Amino acid sequence: MALSKEQRRMRIKRRSLDKSRGTAERPRLCVFRSNTQFYAQLIDDSTGKTLASCSSLGLKEAQGIAKIEQAKVIGKAMAEKVIAAGITNVVFDRSGYLYHGRVKHFAEAAREAGLKF
């Protein structure tokens, strides 16, 4: 029986989470993309706390633009929040999504803004 897209993504996500967990020194930068929005969270897995978050719903400059441009704006804004919190090194968790399109543009914008992963 073939897996659905969502089942396949969840299998990949589970497998990658086994290998990369966020710590206090190097938290996990997790992304989620829906059909219309883009979300990012900085998570410390050792304590189970979300340190910072950013989404296209919460930013005015991310409203009404193309989805790839949204991802770039979110990546830059998230990097600024994380660096302001005193963190420069993170583990990137693409949540089972392929590294292209919105996920890739988000990561590139976060790197350009100063995050290292």
N, C-alpha and C. Protein backbone atom coordinates (compact mmCIF):
# COMPACT_ATOMS: atom_id res chain seq x y z
N MET A 1 0.84 -1.18 0.00
CA MET A 1 0.00 0.00 0.00
C MET A 1 0.89 1.25 0.00
N ALA A 2 0.59 2.17 -0.86
CA ALA A 2 1.38 3.39 -0.98
C ALA A 2 1.03 4.37 0.13
N LEU A 3 2.03 5.14 0.55
CA LEU A 3 1.83 6.14 1.59
C LEU A 3 1.29 7.42 0.96
N SER A 4 0.48 8.13 1.73
CA SER A 4 0.04 9.44 1.27
C SER A 4 1.20 10.43 1.44
N LYS A 5 1.07 11.61 0.88
CA LYS A 5 2.10 12.64 1.01
C LYS A 5 2.38 12.97 2.47
N GLU A 6 1.30 13.11 3.23
CA GLU A 6 1.44 13.48 4.65
C GLU A 6 2.09 12.35 5.45
N GLN A 7 1.71 11.11 5.19
CA GLN A 7 2.32 9.98 5.88
C GLN A 7 3.81 9.88 5.57
N ARG A 8 4.18 10.11 4.32
CA ARG A 8 5.57 10.08 3.91
C ARG A 8 6.36 11.18 4.62
N ARG A 9 5.79 12.39 4.68
CA ARG A 9 6.45 13.51 5.34
C ARG A 9 6.64 13.23 6.82
N MET A 10 5.63 12.66 7.46
CA MET A 10 5.73 12.35 8.89
C MET A 10 6.78 11.28 9.16
N ARG A 11 6.91 10.32 8.27
CA ARG A 11 7.94 9.28 8.42
C ARG A 11 9.33 9.91 8.34
N ILE A 12 9.53 10.80 7.37
CA ILE A 12 10.82 11.48 7.22
C ILE A 12 11.08 12.37 8.44
N LYS A 13 10.06 13.07 8.92
CA LYS A 13 10.19 13.96 10.07
C LYS A 13 10.62 13.17 11.30
N ARG A 14 9.96 12.05 11.55
CA ARG A 14 10.28 11.21 12.70
C ARG A 14 11.72 10.71 12.64
N ARG A 15 12.13 10.31 11.45
CA ARG A 15 13.49 9.79 11.27
C ARG A 15 14.53 10.88 11.51
N SER A 16 14.26 12.10 11.04
CA SER A 16 15.23 13.18 11.22
C SER A 16 15.26 13.67 12.67
N LEU A 17 14.13 13.62 13.38
CA LEU A 17 14.11 14.04 14.78
C LEU A 17 14.91 13.09 15.66
N ASP A 18 15.00 11.82 15.27
CA ASP A 18 15.81 10.88 16.02
C ASP A 18 17.28 11.26 15.97
N LYS A 19 17.69 11.91 14.90
CA LYS A 19 19.10 12.25 14.70
C LYS A 19 19.46 13.63 15.20
N SER A 20 18.53 14.56 15.16
CA SER A 20 18.87 15.94 15.53
C SER A 20 17.88 16.48 16.55
N ARG A 21 18.39 16.71 17.74
CA ARG A 21 17.59 17.31 18.80
C ARG A 21 18.20 18.65 19.17
N GLY A 22 17.37 19.59 19.55
CA GLY A 22 17.84 20.91 19.94
C GLY A 22 18.29 20.93 21.40
N THR A 23 19.37 21.65 21.68
CA THR A 23 19.86 21.81 23.04
C THR A 23 19.79 23.29 23.40
N ALA A 24 20.16 23.61 24.63
CA ALA A 24 20.14 25.02 25.04
C ALA A 24 21.18 25.82 24.26
N GLU A 25 22.33 25.21 23.97
CA GLU A 25 23.37 25.91 23.22
C GLU A 25 23.06 25.98 21.73
N ARG A 26 22.39 24.94 21.22
CA ARG A 26 22.09 24.86 19.80
C ARG A 26 20.64 24.39 19.61
N PRO A 27 19.67 25.30 19.75
CA PRO A 27 18.26 24.90 19.63
C PRO A 27 17.88 24.52 18.20
N ARG A 28 16.72 23.89 18.08
CA ARG A 28 16.23 23.41 16.78
C ARG A 28 15.33 24.46 16.17
N LEU A 29 15.62 24.84 14.92
CA LEU A 29 14.81 25.77 14.15
C LEU A 29 13.89 24.95 13.27
N CYS A 30 12.62 24.87 13.66
CA CYS A 30 11.65 24.01 13.01
C CYS A 30 10.73 24.84 12.13
N VAL A 31 10.44 24.35 10.92
CA VAL A 31 9.55 25.08 10.01
C VAL A 31 8.30 24.25 9.72
N PHE A 32 7.23 24.95 9.42
CA PHE A 32 5.99 24.31 8.96
C PHE A 32 5.41 25.20 7.88
N ARG A 33 4.97 24.57 6.80
CA ARG A 33 4.35 25.35 5.74
C ARG A 33 2.97 24.76 5.45
N SER A 34 2.00 25.63 5.41
CA SER A 34 0.66 25.22 4.99
C SER A 34 0.49 25.67 3.55
N ASN A 35 -0.70 25.53 3.01
CA ASN A 35 -0.92 25.95 1.63
C ASN A 35 -0.76 27.46 1.47
N THR A 36 -1.07 28.21 2.51
CA THR A 36 -1.05 29.67 2.38
C THR A 36 -0.08 30.38 3.32
N GLN A 37 0.34 29.74 4.41
CA GLN A 37 1.15 30.42 5.42
C GLN A 37 2.47 29.68 5.65
N PHE A 38 3.37 30.35 6.38
CA PHE A 38 4.67 29.77 6.73
C PHE A 38 4.96 30.08 8.19
N TYR A 39 5.41 29.10 8.94
CA TYR A 39 5.65 29.24 10.37
C TYR A 39 7.04 28.73 10.71
N ALA A 40 7.67 29.33 11.73
CA ALA A 40 8.97 28.86 12.20
C ALA A 40 9.01 28.99 13.72
N GLN A 41 9.67 28.02 14.37
CA GLN A 41 9.83 28.02 15.81
C GLN A 41 11.25 27.66 16.17
N LEU A 42 11.76 28.23 17.24
CA LEU A 42 13.04 27.86 17.80
C LEU A 42 12.76 27.09 19.08
N ILE A 43 13.16 25.81 19.11
CA ILE A 43 12.76 24.91 20.18
C ILE A 43 13.99 24.35 20.90
N ASP A 44 13.96 24.38 22.23
CA ASP A 44 14.97 23.71 23.05
C ASP A 44 14.36 22.38 23.48
N ASP A 45 14.79 21.28 22.88
CA ASP A 45 14.18 19.98 23.15
C ASP A 45 14.53 19.44 24.53
N SER A 46 15.63 19.88 25.13
CA SER A 46 15.99 19.37 26.45
C SER A 46 15.00 19.83 27.52
N THR A 47 14.43 21.03 27.35
CA THR A 47 13.43 21.51 28.30
C THR A 47 12.02 21.49 27.71
N GLY A 48 11.91 21.29 26.41
CA GLY A 48 10.60 21.27 25.76
C GLY A 48 9.96 22.64 25.62
N LYS A 49 10.78 23.67 25.55
CA LYS A 49 10.26 25.05 25.47
C LYS A 49 10.49 25.65 24.09
N THR A 50 9.56 26.47 23.67
CA THR A 50 9.71 27.26 22.46
C THR A 50 10.35 28.58 22.85
N LEU A 51 11.53 28.87 22.28
CA LEU A 51 12.27 30.07 22.65
C LEU A 51 11.83 31.28 21.83
N ALA A 52 11.48 31.06 20.58
CA ALA A 52 11.05 32.15 19.71
C ALA A 52 10.18 31.56 18.59
N SER A 53 9.30 32.38 18.06
CA SER A 53 8.48 31.92 16.94
C SER A 53 8.18 33.09 16.03
N CYS A 54 7.87 32.75 14.79
CA CYS A 54 7.55 33.76 13.79
C CYS A 54 6.65 33.12 12.74
N SER A 55 5.70 33.87 12.24
CA SER A 55 4.84 33.32 11.20
C SER A 55 4.41 34.41 10.24
N SER A 56 3.94 33.98 9.08
CA SER A 56 3.48 34.95 8.09
C SER A 56 2.17 35.59 8.52
N LEU A 57 1.47 34.99 9.46
CA LEU A 57 0.24 35.60 9.98
C LEU A 57 0.55 36.76 10.90
N GLY A 58 1.68 36.69 11.61
CA GLY A 58 2.00 37.70 12.60
C GLY A 58 2.77 38.89 12.08
N LEU A 59 3.25 38.84 10.85
CA LEU A 59 4.04 39.94 10.29
C LEU A 59 3.24 40.68 9.22
N LYS A 60 3.14 41.99 9.37
CA LYS A 60 2.42 42.78 8.38
C LYS A 60 3.10 42.76 7.02
N GLU A 61 4.45 42.80 7.02
CA GLU A 61 5.17 42.85 5.74
C GLU A 61 5.09 41.53 4.98
N ALA A 62 4.61 40.45 5.63
CA ALA A 62 4.46 39.16 4.96
C ALA A 62 3.07 38.96 4.37
N GLN A 63 2.20 39.91 4.56
CA GLN A 63 0.83 39.78 4.07
C GLN A 63 0.74 40.25 2.61
N GLY A 64 0.02 39.49 1.81
CA GLY A 64 -0.28 39.90 0.45
C GLY A 64 0.86 39.81 -0.54
N ILE A 65 1.89 39.02 -0.24
CA ILE A 65 2.99 38.84 -1.19
C ILE A 65 3.09 37.36 -1.56
N ALA A 66 3.91 37.05 -2.54
CA ALA A 66 4.07 35.67 -3.00
C ALA A 66 4.62 34.80 -1.86
N LYS A 67 4.32 33.50 -1.92
CA LYS A 67 4.68 32.60 -0.83
C LYS A 67 6.19 32.49 -0.64
N ILE A 68 6.95 32.49 -1.71
CA ILE A 68 8.41 32.41 -1.59
C ILE A 68 8.95 33.68 -0.95
N GLU A 69 8.39 34.82 -1.31
CA GLU A 69 8.80 36.08 -0.69
C GLU A 69 8.41 36.11 0.79
N GLN A 70 7.26 35.51 1.11
CA GLN A 70 6.84 35.37 2.51
C GLN A 70 7.90 34.61 3.30
N ALA A 71 8.37 33.50 2.74
CA ALA A 71 9.36 32.66 3.42
C ALA A 71 10.65 33.44 3.66
N LYS A 72 11.05 34.26 2.70
CA LYS A 72 12.26 35.08 2.87
C LYS A 72 12.09 36.09 4.00
N VAL A 73 10.92 36.73 4.06
CA VAL A 73 10.65 37.73 5.11
C VAL A 73 10.65 37.04 6.47
N ILE A 74 10.02 35.88 6.56
CA ILE A 74 9.96 35.14 7.83
C ILE A 74 11.36 34.69 8.24
N GLY A 75 12.17 34.23 7.29
CA GLY A 75 13.53 33.81 7.60
C GLY A 75 14.37 34.94 8.17
N LYS A 76 14.26 36.10 7.57
CA LYS A 76 15.02 37.27 8.06
C LYS A 76 14.52 37.70 9.43
N ALA A 77 13.20 37.76 9.61
CA ALA A 77 12.63 38.18 10.89
C ALA A 77 12.97 37.18 12.00
N MET A 78 12.91 35.90 11.67
CA MET A 78 13.23 34.88 12.67
C MET A 78 14.69 34.96 13.09
N ALA A 79 15.57 35.15 12.12
CA ALA A 79 17.00 35.26 12.43
C ALA A 79 17.26 36.46 13.33
N GLU A 80 16.60 37.57 13.07
CA GLU A 80 16.78 38.76 13.91
C GLU A 80 16.32 38.51 15.33
N LYS A 81 15.18 37.80 15.50
CA LYS A 81 14.69 37.47 16.84
C LYS A 81 15.66 36.56 17.58
N VAL A 82 16.16 35.55 16.87
CA VAL A 82 17.05 34.57 17.49
C VAL A 82 18.37 35.21 17.88
N ILE A 83 18.93 36.03 17.02
CA ILE A 83 20.20 36.70 17.33
C ILE A 83 20.01 37.68 18.48
N ALA A 84 18.87 38.35 18.54
CA ALA A 84 18.58 39.25 19.66
C ALA A 84 18.50 38.49 20.98
N ALA A 85 18.11 37.20 20.91
CA ALA A 85 18.05 36.37 22.11
C ALA A 85 19.43 35.83 22.49
N GLY A 86 20.44 36.12 21.68
CA GLY A 86 21.81 35.71 21.99
C GLY A 86 22.20 34.34 21.45
N ILE A 87 21.49 33.85 20.45
CA ILE A 87 21.79 32.53 19.87
C ILE A 87 22.18 32.73 18.41
N THR A 88 23.31 32.12 18.02
CA THR A 88 23.73 32.23 16.63
C THR A 88 23.78 30.87 15.92
N ASN A 89 23.99 29.78 16.67
CA ASN A 89 24.04 28.44 16.08
C ASN A 89 22.76 27.69 16.36
N VAL A 90 22.15 27.14 15.32
CA VAL A 90 20.91 26.37 15.46
C VAL A 90 21.01 25.09 14.64
N VAL A 91 20.11 24.16 14.92
CA VAL A 91 19.94 22.95 14.12
C VAL A 91 18.71 23.17 13.26
N PHE A 92 18.83 23.03 11.96
CA PHE A 92 17.69 23.29 11.06
C PHE A 92 16.88 22.02 10.90
N ASP A 93 15.59 22.11 11.20
CA ASP A 93 14.66 20.99 11.06
C ASP A 93 13.64 21.36 10.00
N ARG A 94 13.73 20.71 8.85
CA ARG A 94 12.82 21.04 7.76
C ARG A 94 11.51 20.27 7.84
N SER A 95 11.31 19.51 8.90
CA SER A 95 10.04 18.81 9.20
C SER A 95 9.59 17.87 8.09
N GLY A 96 10.51 17.22 7.44
CA GLY A 96 10.15 16.26 6.41
C GLY A 96 9.90 16.85 5.04
N TYR A 97 9.93 18.18 4.94
CA TYR A 97 9.75 18.82 3.63
C TYR A 97 11.06 18.74 2.85
N LEU A 98 10.96 18.68 1.55
CA LEU A 98 12.15 18.70 0.72
C LEU A 98 12.81 20.08 0.81
N TYR A 99 14.13 20.10 0.66
CA TYR A 99 14.87 21.36 0.77
C TYR A 99 14.83 22.06 -0.59
N HIS A 100 13.71 22.65 -0.91
CA HIS A 100 13.56 23.47 -2.11
C HIS A 100 12.34 24.36 -1.91
N GLY A 101 12.19 25.33 -2.78
CA GLY A 101 11.04 26.22 -2.68
C GLY A 101 11.07 27.09 -1.44
N ARG A 102 9.96 27.12 -0.73
CA ARG A 102 9.83 28.00 0.44
C ARG A 102 10.80 27.64 1.55
N VAL A 103 11.02 26.35 1.77
CA VAL A 103 11.93 25.93 2.84
C VAL A 103 13.35 26.39 2.54
N LYS A 104 13.78 26.25 1.30
CA LYS A 104 15.11 26.67 0.90
C LYS A 104 15.28 28.18 1.02
N HIS A 105 14.31 28.94 0.55
CA HIS A 105 14.40 30.39 0.61
C HIS A 105 14.37 30.89 2.06
N PHE A 106 13.60 30.22 2.92
CA PHE A 106 13.61 30.57 4.34
C PHE A 106 15.00 30.37 4.93
N ALA A 107 15.60 29.21 4.66
CA ALA A 107 16.92 28.89 5.21
C ALA A 107 17.99 29.86 4.70
N GLU A 108 17.94 30.18 3.41
CA GLU A 108 18.93 31.10 2.85
C GLU A 108 18.79 32.50 3.45
N ALA A 109 17.56 32.96 3.66
CA ALA A 109 17.36 34.29 4.25
C ALA A 109 17.83 34.31 5.70
N ALA A 110 17.61 33.22 6.43
CA ALA A 110 18.07 33.15 7.82
C ALA A 110 19.60 33.14 7.87
N ARG A 111 20.24 32.44 6.95
CA ARG A 111 21.71 32.43 6.91
C ARG A 111 22.26 33.80 6.57
N GLU A 112 21.65 34.47 5.60
CA GLU A 112 22.10 35.81 5.22
C GLU A 112 21.96 36.79 6.37
N ALA A 113 20.96 36.60 7.22
CA ALA A 113 20.74 37.49 8.36
C ALA A 113 21.67 37.17 9.54
N GLY A 114 22.45 36.07 9.45
CA GLY A 114 23.46 35.82 10.47
C GLY A 114 23.36 34.52 11.23
N LEU A 115 22.33 33.69 10.98
CA LEU A 115 22.25 32.41 11.68
C LEU A 115 23.20 31.40 11.05
N LYS A 116 23.72 30.50 11.89
CA LYS A 116 24.63 29.45 11.39
C LYS A 116 23.99 28.09 11.62
N PHE A 117 23.81 27.33 10.54
CA PHE A 117 23.34 25.94 10.64
C PHE A 117 23.78 25.17 9.43
